[in-house]
């Protein structure tokens, strides 16, 4: 039972950072075009 309490405490401590990460990911999904990701992850260009 102590593991359950430790797990819930860990989730409570991580929750603000998880919510911030989900929010930033949502903003990127809405405002950054998909071809930017395709160009970045294709490996064909060198970023300087």
PDB file of N, CA and C in Angstrom:
ATOM      1  N   UNK A   1       0.818  -1.194   0.000  1.00  0.00           N
ATOM      2  CA  UNK A   1       0.000   0.000   0.000  1.00  0.00           C
ATOM      3  C   UNK A   1       0.865   1.262   0.000  1.00  0.00           C
ATOM      4  N   UNK A   2       2.053   1.121   0.566  1.00  0.00           N
ATOM      5  CA  UNK A   2       2.953   2.269   0.609  1.00  0.00           C
ATOM      6  C   UNK A   2       3.401   2.677  -0.795  1.00  0.00           C
ATOM      7  N   UNK A   3       3.504   1.690  -1.693  1.00  0.00           N
ATOM      8  CA  UNK A   3       3.874   1.992  -3.075  1.00  0.00           C
ATOM      9  C   UNK A   3       2.804   2.842  -3.753  1.00  0.00           C
ATOM     10  N   UNK A   4       1.561   2.583  -3.437  1.00  0.00           N
ATOM     11  CA  UNK A   4       0.464   3.357  -4.017  1.00  0.00           C
ATOM     12  C   UNK A   4       0.535   4.813  -3.570  1.00  0.00           C
ATOM     13  N   UNK A   5       0.824   5.032  -2.297  1.00  0.00           N
ATOM     14  CA  UNK A   5       0.958   6.401  -1.799  1.00  0.00           C
ATOM     15  C   UNK A   5       2.156   7.100  -2.438  1.00  0.00           C
ATOM     16  N   UNK A   6       3.252   6.383  -2.578  1.00  0.00           N
ATOM     17  CA  UNK A   6       4.439   6.966  -3.209  1.00  0.00           C
ATOM     18  C   UNK A   6       4.155   7.299  -4.668  1.00  0.00           C
ATOM     19  N   UNK A   7       3.413   6.424  -5.344  1.00  0.00           N
ATOM     20  CA  UNK A   7       3.079   6.667  -6.748  1.00  0.00           C
ATOM     21  C   UNK A   7       2.173   7.880  -6.899  1.00  0.00           C
ATOM     22  N   UNK A   8       1.173   8.014  -6.048  1.00  0.00           N
ATOM     23  CA  UNK A   8       0.278   9.178  -6.138  1.00  0.00           C
ATOM     24  C   UNK A   8       1.011  10.462  -5.770  1.00  0.00           C
ATOM     25  N   UNK A   9       1.929  10.397  -4.814  1.00  0.00           N
ATOM     26  CA  UNK A   9       2.732  11.576  -4.495  1.00  0.00           C
ATOM     27  C   UNK A   9       3.601  11.985  -5.682  1.00  0.00           C
ATOM     28  N   UNK A  10       4.171  11.000  -6.351  1.00  0.00           N
ATOM     29  CA  UNK A  10       4.985  11.287  -7.529  1.00  0.00           C
ATOM     30  C   UNK A  10       4.148  11.919  -8.635  1.00  0.00           C
ATOM     31  N   UNK A  11       2.957  11.386  -8.869  1.00  0.00           N
ATOM     32  CA  UNK A  11       2.072  11.967  -9.883  1.00  0.00           C
ATOM     33  C   UNK A  11       1.670  13.389  -9.526  1.00  0.00           C
ATOM     34  N   UNK A  12       1.413  13.639  -8.259  1.00  0.00           N
ATOM     35  CA  UNK A  12       1.053  14.990  -7.828  1.00  0.00           C
ATOM     36  C   UNK A  12       2.202  15.968  -8.034  1.00  0.00           C
ATOM     37  N   UNK A  13       3.424  15.518  -7.835  1.00  0.00           N
ATOM     38  CA  UNK A  13       4.572  16.394  -8.047  1.00  0.00           C
ATOM     39  C   UNK A  13       4.849  16.621  -9.526  1.00  0.00           C
ATOM     40  N   UNK A  14       4.565  15.627 -10.361  1.00  0.00           N
ATOM     41  CA  UNK A  14       4.839  15.738 -11.796  1.00  0.00           C
ATOM     42  C   UNK A  14       3.735  16.443 -12.565  1.00  0.00           C
ATOM     43  N   UNK A  15       2.550  16.534 -12.018  1.00  0.00           N
ATOM     44  CA  UNK A  15       1.390  17.004 -12.780  1.00  0.00           C
ATOM     45  C   UNK A  15       1.550  18.402 -13.376  1.00  0.00           C
ATOM     46  N   UNK A  16       2.123  19.396 -12.689  1.00  0.00           N
ATOM     47  CA  UNK A  16       2.263  20.700 -13.364  1.00  0.00           C
ATOM     48  C   UNK A  16       3.156  20.638 -14.600  1.00  0.00           C
ATOM     49  N   UNK A  17       4.218  19.853 -14.522  1.00  0.00           N
ATOM     50  CA  UNK A  17       5.132  19.743 -15.656  1.00  0.00           C
ATOM     51  C   UNK A  17       4.502  18.970 -16.806  1.00  0.00           C
ATOM     52  N   UNK A  18       3.723  17.951 -16.479  1.00  0.00           N
ATOM     53  CA  UNK A  18       3.015  17.211 -17.525  1.00  0.00           C
ATOM     54  C   UNK A  18       1.997  18.096 -18.225  1.00  0.00           C
ATOM     55  N   UNK A  19       1.245  18.875 -17.458  1.00  0.00           N
ATOM     56  CA  UNK A  19       0.260  19.768 -18.059  1.00  0.00           C
ATOM     57  C   UNK A  19       0.930  20.824 -18.927  1.00  0.00           C
ATOM     58  N   UNK A  20       2.047  21.360 -18.464  1.00  0.00           N
ATOM     59  CA  UNK A  20       2.786  22.335 -19.269  1.00  0.00           C
ATOM     60  C   UNK A  20       3.294  21.695 -20.557  1.00  0.00           C
ATOM     61  N   UNK A  21       3.786  20.475 -20.482  1.00  0.00           N
ATOM     62  CA  UNK A  21       4.258  19.778 -21.672  1.00  0.00           C
ATOM     63  C   UNK A  21       3.143  19.497 -22.656  1.00  0.00           C
ATOM     64  N   UNK A  22       1.976  19.079 -22.157  1.00  0.00           N
ATOM     65  CA  UNK A  22       0.831  18.850 -23.042  1.00  0.00           C
ATOM     66  C   UNK A  22       0.379  20.148 -23.691  1.00  0.00           C
ATOM     67  N   UNK A  23       0.417  21.250 -22.942  1.00  0.00           N
ATOM     68  CA  UNK A  23       0.017  22.546 -23.480  1.00  0.00           C
ATOM     69  C   UNK A  23       0.962  22.996 -24.592  1.00  0.00           C
ATOM     70  N   UNK A  24       2.260  22.861 -24.367  1.00  0.00           N
ATOM     71  CA  UNK A  24       3.249  23.247 -25.384  1.00  0.00           C
ATOM     72  C   UNK A  24       3.128  22.348 -26.605  1.00  0.00           C
ATOM     73  N   UNK A  25       2.915  21.061 -26.397  1.00  0.00           N
ATOM     74  CA  UNK A  25       2.735  20.141 -27.525  1.00  0.00           C
ATOM     75  C   UNK A  25       1.496  20.500 -28.330  1.00  0.00           C
ATOM     76  N   UNK A  26       0.436  20.907 -27.657  1.00  0.00           N
ATOM     77  CA  UNK A  26      -0.774  21.333 -28.357  1.00  0.00           C
ATOM     78  C   UNK A  26      -0.549  22.586 -29.171  1.00  0.00           C
ATOM     79  N   UNK A  27       0.189  23.539 -28.606  1.00  0.00           N
ATOM     80  CA  UNK A  27       0.504  24.757 -29.361  1.00  0.00           C
ATOM     81  C   UNK A  27       1.339  24.441 -30.595  1.00  0.00           C
ATOM     82  N   UNK A  28       2.323  23.575 -30.445  1.00  0.00           N
ATOM     83  CA  UNK A  28       3.135  23.185 -31.598  1.00  0.00           C
ATOM     84  C   UNK A  28       2.293  22.480 -32.646  1.00  0.00           C
ATOM     85  N   UNK A  29       1.384  21.649 -32.207  1.00  0.00           N
ATOM     86  CA  UNK A  29       0.534  20.913 -33.144  1.00  0.00           C
ATOM     87  C   UNK A  29      -0.361  21.857 -33.933  1.00  0.00           C
ATOM     88  N   UNK A  30      -0.822  22.922 -33.298  1.00  0.00           N
ATOM     89  CA  UNK A  30      -1.755  23.840 -33.953  1.00  0.00           C
ATOM     90  C   UNK A  30      -1.026  24.849 -34.831  1.00  0.00           C
ATOM     91  N   UNK A  31       0.102  25.388 -34.356  1.00  0.00           N
ATOM     92  CA  UNK A  31       0.709  26.536 -35.025  1.00  0.00           C
ATOM     93  C   UNK A  31       1.929  26.226 -35.887  1.00  0.00           C
ATOM     94  N   UNK A  32       2.519  25.050 -35.780  1.00  0.00           N
ATOM     95  CA  UNK A  32       3.698  24.722 -36.591  1.00  0.00           C
ATOM     96  C   UNK A  32       3.259  23.773 -37.695  1.00  0.00           C
ATOM     97  N   UNK A  33       3.511  24.131 -38.955  1.00  0.00           N
ATOM     98  CA  UNK A  33       3.090  23.264 -40.067  1.00  0.00           C
ATOM     99  C   UNK A  33       3.817  21.921 -40.046  1.00  0.00           C
ATOM    100  N   UNK A  34       3.169  20.925 -40.611  1.00  0.00           N
ATOM    101  CA  UNK A  34       3.711  19.568 -40.586  1.00  0.00           C
ATOM    102  C   UNK A  34       4.992  19.453 -41.402  1.00  0.00           C
ATOM    103  N   UNK A  35       5.138  20.251 -42.464  1.00  0.00           N
ATOM    104  CA  UNK A  35       6.351  20.138 -43.283  1.00  0.00           C
ATOM    105  C   UNK A  35       7.601  20.591 -42.533  1.00  0.00           C
ATOM    106  N   UNK A  36       7.455  21.418 -41.512  1.00  0.00           N
ATOM    107  CA  UNK A  36       8.609  21.799 -40.697  1.00  0.00           C
ATOM    108  C   UNK A  36       9.161  20.565 -39.990  1.00  0.00           C
ATOM    109  N   UNK A  37       8.269  19.757 -39.433  1.00  0.00           N
ATOM    110  CA  UNK A  37       8.708  18.523 -38.783  1.00  0.00           C
ATOM    111  C   UNK A  37       9.299  17.554 -39.802  1.00  0.00           C
ATOM    112  N   UNK A  38       8.678  17.461 -40.966  1.00  0.00           N
ATOM    113  CA  UNK A  38       9.164  16.540 -41.993  1.00  0.00           C
ATOM    114  C   UNK A  38      10.568  16.933 -42.443  1.00  0.00           C
ATOM    115  N   UNK A  39      10.810  18.222 -42.636  1.00  0.00           N
ATOM    116  CA  UNK A  39      12.144  18.676 -43.036  1.00  0.00           C
ATOM    117  C   UNK A  39      13.164  18.459 -41.922  1.00  0.00           C
ATOM    118  N   UNK A  40      12.756  18.693 -40.697  1.00  0.00           N
ATOM    119  CA  UNK A  40      13.684  18.569 -39.576  1.00  0.00           C
ATOM    120  C   UNK A  40      14.073  17.115 -39.329  1.00  0.00           C
ATOM    121  N   UNK A  41      13.119  16.208 -39.405  1.00  0.00           N
ATOM    122  CA  UNK A  41      13.395  14.812 -39.091  1.00  0.00           C
ATOM    123  C   UNK A  41      13.829  13.984 -40.294  1.00  0.00           C
ATOM    124  N   UNK A  42      13.841  14.580 -41.484  1.00  0.00           N
ATOM    125  CA  UNK A  42      14.247  13.814 -42.660  1.00  0.00           C
ATOM    126  C   UNK A  42      15.750  13.573 -42.689  1.00  0.00           C
ATOM    127  N   UNK A  43      16.522  14.463 -42.097  1.00  0.00           N
ATOM    128  CA  UNK A  43      17.962  14.293 -42.068  1.00  0.00           C
ATOM    129  C   UNK A  43      18.648  14.777 -43.327  1.00  0.00           C
ATOM    130  N   UNK A  44      17.921  15.405 -44.247  1.00  0.00           N
ATOM    131  CA  UNK A  44      18.520  15.867 -45.493  1.00  0.00           C
ATOM    132  C   UNK A  44      19.153  17.245 -45.370  1.00  0.00           C
ATOM    133  N   UNK A  45      18.779  17.996 -44.369  1.00  0.00           N
ATOM    134  CA  UNK A  45      19.300  19.349 -44.223  1.00  0.00           C
ATOM    135  C   UNK A  45      20.204  19.428 -42.999  1.00  0.00           C
ATOM    136  N   UNK A  46      21.173  20.324 -43.080  1.00  0.00           N
ATOM    137  CA  UNK A  46      22.046  20.588 -41.943  1.00  0.00           C
ATOM    138  C   UNK A  46      21.580  21.890 -41.315  1.00  0.00           C
ATOM    139  N   UNK A  47      21.258  21.831 -40.042  1.00  0.00           N
ATOM    140  CA  UNK A  47      20.801  23.023 -39.334  1.00  0.00           C
ATOM    141  C   UNK A  47      22.003  23.745 -38.758  1.00  0.00           C
ATOM    142  N   UNK A  48      22.134  25.014 -39.071  1.00  0.00           N
ATOM    143  CA  UNK A  48      23.249  25.813 -38.548  1.00  0.00           C
ATOM    144  C   UNK A  48      22.755  26.803 -37.545  1.00  0.00           C
TER     145      UNK A  48
END
